[in-house]
Amino acid sequence: MAKNEKRVQVTLACEECKRRNYITTKNKLNDRERIEMRKFCSWERRHTLHKETR
């Protein structure tokens, strides 16, 4: 099966500790801007804002 080039892997970094905790995929055509999610940070031990890095 061919890999879909519309979806790309992105890395999410915590805004508090600046560590890269998560890797997820996003659709390039629908989500042009960098994504932001509230995810659990194991170093901070609480939910924090995670932003997409390059």
C-alpha atoms as a PDB file:
ATOM      1  CA  MET A   1       0.000   0.000   0.000  1.00  0.00           C
ATOM      2  CA  ALA A   2       1.381   3.417  -0.938  1.00  0.00           C
ATOM      3  CA  LYS A   3       2.200   5.878   1.808  1.00  0.00           C
ATOM      4  CA  ASN A   4      -0.094   8.893   1.907  1.00  0.00           C
ATOM      5  CA  GLU A   5       1.973  12.060   1.347  1.00  0.00           C
ATOM      6  CA  LYS A   6      -0.781  14.349   2.593  1.00  0.00           C
ATOM      7  CA  ARG A   7      -0.187  13.234   6.182  1.00  0.00           C
ATOM      8  CA  VAL A   8       3.133  14.096   7.794  1.00  0.00           C
ATOM      9  CA  GLN A   9       4.699  13.210  11.124  1.00  0.00           C
ATOM     10  CA  VAL A  10       5.106  16.094  13.557  1.00  0.00           C
ATOM     11  CA  THR A  11       6.827  16.281  16.931  1.00  0.00           C
ATOM     12  CA  LEU A  12       5.103  17.913  19.896  1.00  0.00           C
ATOM     13  CA  ALA A  13       7.216  19.699  22.509  1.00  0.00           C
ATOM     14  CA  CYS A  14       6.108  20.729  25.978  1.00  0.00           C
ATOM     15  CA  GLU A  15       5.959  24.490  26.544  1.00  0.00           C
ATOM     16  CA  GLU A  16       6.973  24.146  30.211  1.00  0.00           C
ATOM     17  CA  CYS A  17      10.037  21.871  30.087  1.00  0.00           C
ATOM     18  CA  LYS A  18      10.749  22.158  26.297  1.00  0.00           C
ATOM     19  CA  ARG A  19      11.130  18.384  25.928  1.00  0.00           C
ATOM     20  CA  ARG A  20       9.848  16.604  22.864  1.00  0.00           C
ATOM     21  CA  ASN A  21       7.377  14.113  24.279  1.00  0.00           C
ATOM     22  CA  TYR A  22       5.042  13.076  21.458  1.00  0.00           C
ATOM     23  CA  ILE A  23       5.082  12.228  17.755  1.00  0.00           C
ATOM     24  CA  THR A  24       1.803  12.391  15.857  1.00  0.00           C
ATOM     25  CA  THR A  25       0.554  12.880  12.306  1.00  0.00           C
ATOM     26  CA  LYS A  26      -1.372  15.725  10.763  1.00  0.00           C
ATOM     27  CA  ASN A  27      -2.931  16.435   7.396  1.00  0.00           C
ATOM     28  CA  LYS A  28      -0.905  19.110   5.578  1.00  0.00           C
ATOM     29  CA  LEU A  29      -3.848  20.201   3.451  1.00  0.00           C
ATOM     30  CA  ASN A  30      -6.329  20.739   6.293  1.00  0.00           C
ATOM     31  CA  ASP A  31      -3.947  21.962   9.029  1.00  0.00           C
ATOM     32  CA  ARG A  32      -1.590  24.543   7.597  1.00  0.00           C
ATOM     33  CA  GLU A  33      -0.642  26.133  10.931  1.00  0.00           C
ATOM     34  CA  ARG A  34       1.316  24.471  13.697  1.00  0.00           C
ATOM     35  CA  ILE A  35      -0.903  22.404  15.950  1.00  0.00           C
ATOM     36  CA  GLU A  36      -1.267  22.850  19.722  1.00  0.00           C
ATOM     37  CA  MET A  37      -2.602  20.215  22.112  1.00  0.00           C
ATOM     38  CA  ARG A  38      -2.928  19.813  25.844  1.00  0.00           C
ATOM     39  CA  LYS A  39      -1.095  16.564  26.587  1.00  0.00           C
ATOM     40  CA  PHE A  40       0.341  14.902  29.687  1.00  0.00           C
ATOM     41  CA  CYS A  41       3.997  15.707  30.345  1.00  0.00           C
ATOM     42  CA  SER A  42       5.691  12.946  32.341  1.00  0.00           C
ATOM     43  CA  TRP A  43       8.448  15.274  33.553  1.00  0.00           C
ATOM     44  CA  GLU A  44       6.038  17.956  34.776  1.00  0.00           C
ATOM     45  CA  ARG A  45       3.534  15.271  35.869  1.00  0.00           C
ATOM     46  CA  ARG A  46       0.554  17.289  34.693  1.00  0.00           C
ATOM     47  CA  HIS A  47      -1.248  18.292  31.519  1.00  0.00           C
ATOM     48  CA  THR A  48       0.535  21.111  29.685  1.00  0.00           C
ATOM     49  CA  LEU A  49       0.351  22.782  26.308  1.00  0.00           C
ATOM     50  CA  HIS A  50       2.361  20.996  23.630  1.00  0.00           C
ATOM     51  CA  LYS A  51       3.203  22.751  20.355  1.00  0.00           C
ATOM     52  CA  GLU A  52       4.446  21.431  17.060  1.00  0.00           C
ATOM     53  CA  THR A  53       8.196  21.747  16.445  1.00  0.00           C
ATOM     54  CA  ARG A  54      10.165  21.532  13.229  1.00  0.00           C
END
